[in-house]
């Protein structure tokens, strides 16, 4: 049980670093952090579960920019992990609500909110194609 908790904590720390790092001009996600996240998730199902939980938290966070980065990370993991795909598919309506349809009016700035909606719709379209 202790190992699962550590995986969740470590995954949460990586996700927190990813969603709090401002995107560069070339990359939405910081490449070295993304590489660490992919390597961490690849180690075990427990790690995938921990990363998934942390990304869901970030998708419901108070920052539009962090939500954008969380969606981008979801997109990367969707392509790499059947376990991640299954987990995200199970909450896909909540994902769409958090990123497209039920965004709080207090989420700022509006241009980033529009970007979030665009990225999320693009991802969902790709995932369900």
Foldseek 3Di string as FASTA:
>chain_A
DVVLVVLLVVLLVLLVVFLVDCADPVGLTDVVSLVVLVVSVVPDVSNLVSNLVNLLVQLQDQELSSVQRSLVSLLVVCVPDPSSVVVCVVCVVVSCCSQANPDDPNHDDPVSSVVSNVSNVVSVVVSVD
